[in-house]
Amino acid sequence: MRDCECGPWVMWSHCGFGKFDPLTNTLTEVACPSRHCAIWVPLVDGKLAAHERTDGGHCPWTGVRVEDDRADLLPLPDRIIDSEAVRWSEEQ
């Protein structure tokens, strides 16, 4: 854990999927852990950015810190999305 052990926070593995910057290896986006959100949510200073739920209204997960727990879970290559590879494949 970074900073303090206080919350609110959620582990990356609870989000299901994540995008990582290939240059810095930092977590940049996650699938929102809410079942009412079906979108990728960018992280701002390690926290879920503001976003809307699919059924309307603000997501209550906004502002929750996401901790990168890959070291505890590897190997999980099917759940890690290489952002550079995604950009390359979209350009083809």
C-alpha atoms as a PDB file:
ATOM      1  CA  MET A   1       0.000   0.000   0.000  1.00  0.00           C
ATOM      2  CA  ARG A   2       1.091   3.501  -0.731  1.00  0.00           C
ATOM      3  CA  ASP A   3       0.369   6.428   1.523  1.00  0.00           C
ATOM      4  CA  CYS A   4      -1.759   5.238   4.412  1.00  0.00           C
ATOM      5  CA  GLU A   5      -3.765   2.083   4.937  1.00  0.00           C
ATOM      6  CA  CYS A   6      -6.980   4.109   5.177  1.00  0.00           C
ATOM      7  CA  GLY A   7      -9.585   4.076   2.439  1.00  0.00           C
ATOM      8  CA  PRO A   8     -11.522   4.256   0.452  1.00  0.00           C
ATOM      9  CA  TRP A   9      -9.546   1.995  -1.871  1.00  0.00           C
ATOM     10  CA  VAL A  10     -10.016  -1.071  -4.024  1.00  0.00           C
ATOM     11  CA  MET A  11      -7.472  -3.478  -5.427  1.00  0.00           C
ATOM     12  CA  TRP A  12      -6.854  -3.562  -9.196  1.00  0.00           C
ATOM     13  CA  SER A  13      -7.820  -7.246  -9.237  1.00  0.00           C
ATOM     14  CA  HIS A  14     -11.321  -6.320  -8.019  1.00  0.00           C
ATOM     15  CA  CYS A  15     -11.798  -4.207 -11.145  1.00  0.00           C
ATOM     16  CA  GLY A  16     -11.278  -7.211 -13.400  1.00  0.00           C
ATOM     17  CA  PHE A  17      -9.259  -5.555 -16.152  1.00  0.00           C
ATOM     18  CA  GLY A  18      -6.675  -2.813 -16.406  1.00  0.00           C
ATOM     19  CA  LYS A  19      -4.689  -0.827 -18.917  1.00  0.00           C
ATOM     20  CA  PHE A  20      -1.050  -0.092 -18.205  1.00  0.00           C
ATOM     21  CA  ASP A  21       1.290   2.467 -19.741  1.00  0.00           C
ATOM     22  CA  PRO A  22       3.987   0.493 -21.599  1.00  0.00           C
ATOM     23  CA  LEU A  23       6.668   3.090 -20.852  1.00  0.00           C
ATOM     24  CA  THR A  24       6.097   3.548 -17.124  1.00  0.00           C
ATOM     25  CA  ASN A  25       4.278   0.275 -16.326  1.00  0.00           C
ATOM     26  CA  THR A  26       1.732   2.273 -14.318  1.00  0.00           C
ATOM     27  CA  LEU A  27      -1.958   1.551 -14.152  1.00  0.00           C
ATOM     28  CA  THR A  28      -3.812   4.119 -16.295  1.00  0.00           C
ATOM     29  CA  GLU A  29      -7.397   2.819 -16.620  1.00  0.00           C
ATOM     30  CA  VAL A  30      -9.579   0.128 -15.105  1.00  0.00           C
ATOM     31  CA  ALA A  31     -12.978  -1.399 -15.727  1.00  0.00           C
ATOM     32  CA  CYS A  32     -15.203   0.186 -13.090  1.00  0.00           C
ATOM     33  CA  PRO A  33     -15.942  -2.325 -10.306  1.00  0.00           C
ATOM     34  CA  SER A  34     -19.605  -1.287 -10.290  1.00  0.00           C
ATOM     35  CA  ARG A  35     -21.991  -3.568 -12.134  1.00  0.00           C
ATOM     36  CA  HIS A  36     -23.856  -0.416 -13.224  1.00  0.00           C
ATOM     37  CA  CYS A  37     -20.886   0.945 -15.175  1.00  0.00           C
ATOM     38  CA  ALA A  38     -19.771  -0.715 -18.374  1.00  0.00           C
ATOM     39  CA  ILE A  39     -16.877   1.581 -19.240  1.00  0.00           C
ATOM     40  CA  TRP A  40     -13.145   2.039 -18.878  1.00  0.00           C
ATOM     41  CA  VAL A  41     -12.425   4.641 -16.238  1.00  0.00           C
ATOM     42  CA  PRO A  42      -9.182   6.627 -16.271  1.00  0.00           C
ATOM     43  CA  LEU A  43      -7.249   7.013 -13.045  1.00  0.00           C
ATOM     44  CA  VAL A  44      -6.438  10.524 -11.883  1.00  0.00           C
ATOM     45  CA  ASP A  45      -3.746  10.569  -9.203  1.00  0.00           C
ATOM     46  CA  GLY A  46      -4.454   6.861  -8.679  1.00  0.00           C
ATOM     47  CA  LYS A  47      -8.193   7.381  -8.144  1.00  0.00           C
ATOM     48  CA  LEU A  48     -11.213   6.576 -10.312  1.00  0.00           C
ATOM     49  CA  ALA A  49     -12.156   9.627 -12.382  1.00  0.00           C
ATOM     50  CA  ALA A  50     -15.691  10.987 -12.341  1.00  0.00           C
ATOM     51  CA  HIS A  51     -18.009   9.038 -14.632  1.00  0.00           C
ATOM     52  CA  GLU A  52     -21.682   8.288 -15.124  1.00  0.00           C
ATOM     53  CA  ARG A  53     -23.463   4.979 -14.497  1.00  0.00           C
ATOM     54  CA  THR A  54     -25.102   3.290 -17.475  1.00  0.00           C
ATOM     55  CA  ASP A  55     -28.516   3.825 -15.865  1.00  0.00           C
ATOM     56  CA  GLY A  56     -27.759   7.505 -15.185  1.00  0.00           C
ATOM     57  CA  GLY A  57     -26.312   9.383 -12.275  1.00  0.00           C
ATOM     58  CA  HIS A  58     -22.835   9.650 -10.852  1.00  0.00           C
ATOM     59  CA  CYS A  59     -20.988   6.457  -9.988  1.00  0.00           C
ATOM     60  CA  PRO A  60     -20.388   6.100  -6.236  1.00  0.00           C
ATOM     61  CA  TRP A  61     -16.939   4.581  -6.975  1.00  0.00           C
ATOM     62  CA  THR A  62     -15.687   7.965  -8.254  1.00  0.00           C
ATOM     63  CA  GLY A  63     -12.686   9.089  -6.223  1.00  0.00           C
ATOM     64  CA  VAL A  64     -11.854   5.636  -4.841  1.00  0.00           C
ATOM     65  CA  ARG A  65      -8.128   4.859  -4.942  1.00  0.00           C
ATOM     66  CA  VAL A  66      -7.089   1.806  -6.983  1.00  0.00           C
ATOM     67  CA  GLU A  67      -4.096  -0.126  -5.656  1.00  0.00           C
ATOM     68  CA  ASP A  68      -1.995  -2.103  -8.130  1.00  0.00           C
ATOM     69  CA  ASP A  69      -1.819  -5.642  -6.729  1.00  0.00           C
ATOM     70  CA  ARG A  70      -0.277  -7.308  -9.819  1.00  0.00           C
ATOM     71  CA  ALA A  71       2.756  -8.483  -7.851  1.00  0.00           C
ATOM     72  CA  ASP A  72       0.470 -10.582  -5.663  1.00  0.00           C
ATOM     73  CA  LEU A  73      -1.455 -12.091  -8.575  1.00  0.00           C
ATOM     74  CA  LEU A  74       0.873 -12.668 -11.526  1.00  0.00           C
ATOM     75  CA  PRO A  75       0.694 -14.331 -13.945  1.00  0.00           C
ATOM     76  CA  LEU A  76      -2.611 -12.964 -15.238  1.00  0.00           C
ATOM     77  CA  PRO A  77      -1.727 -11.913 -18.816  1.00  0.00           C
ATOM     78  CA  ASP A  78      -5.301 -12.233 -20.099  1.00  0.00           C
ATOM     79  CA  ARG A  79      -6.455  -9.510 -17.711  1.00  0.00           C
ATOM     80  CA  ILE A  80      -3.674  -7.034 -18.479  1.00  0.00           C
ATOM     81  CA  ILE A  81      -4.135  -4.904 -21.557  1.00  0.00           C
ATOM     82  CA  ASP A  82      -1.011  -3.431 -23.116  1.00  0.00           C
ATOM     83  CA  SER A  83      -2.149   0.051 -24.150  1.00  0.00           C
ATOM     84  CA  GLU A  84       0.541   0.336 -26.819  1.00  0.00           C
ATOM     85  CA  ALA A  85      -0.513  -2.960 -28.411  1.00  0.00           C
ATOM     86  CA  VAL A  86      -4.143  -1.847 -28.392  1.00  0.00           C
ATOM     87  CA  ARG A  87      -3.252   1.450 -30.085  1.00  0.00           C
ATOM     88  CA  TRP A  88      -1.176  -0.386 -32.688  1.00  0.00           C
ATOM     89  CA  SER A  89      -3.944  -2.876 -33.481  1.00  0.00           C
ATOM     90  CA  GLU A  90      -6.530  -0.097 -33.804  1.00  0.00           C
ATOM     91  CA  GLU A  91      -4.322   1.709 -36.337  1.00  0.00           C
ATOM     92  CA  GLN A  92      -4.116  -1.376 -38.561  1.00  0.00           C
END
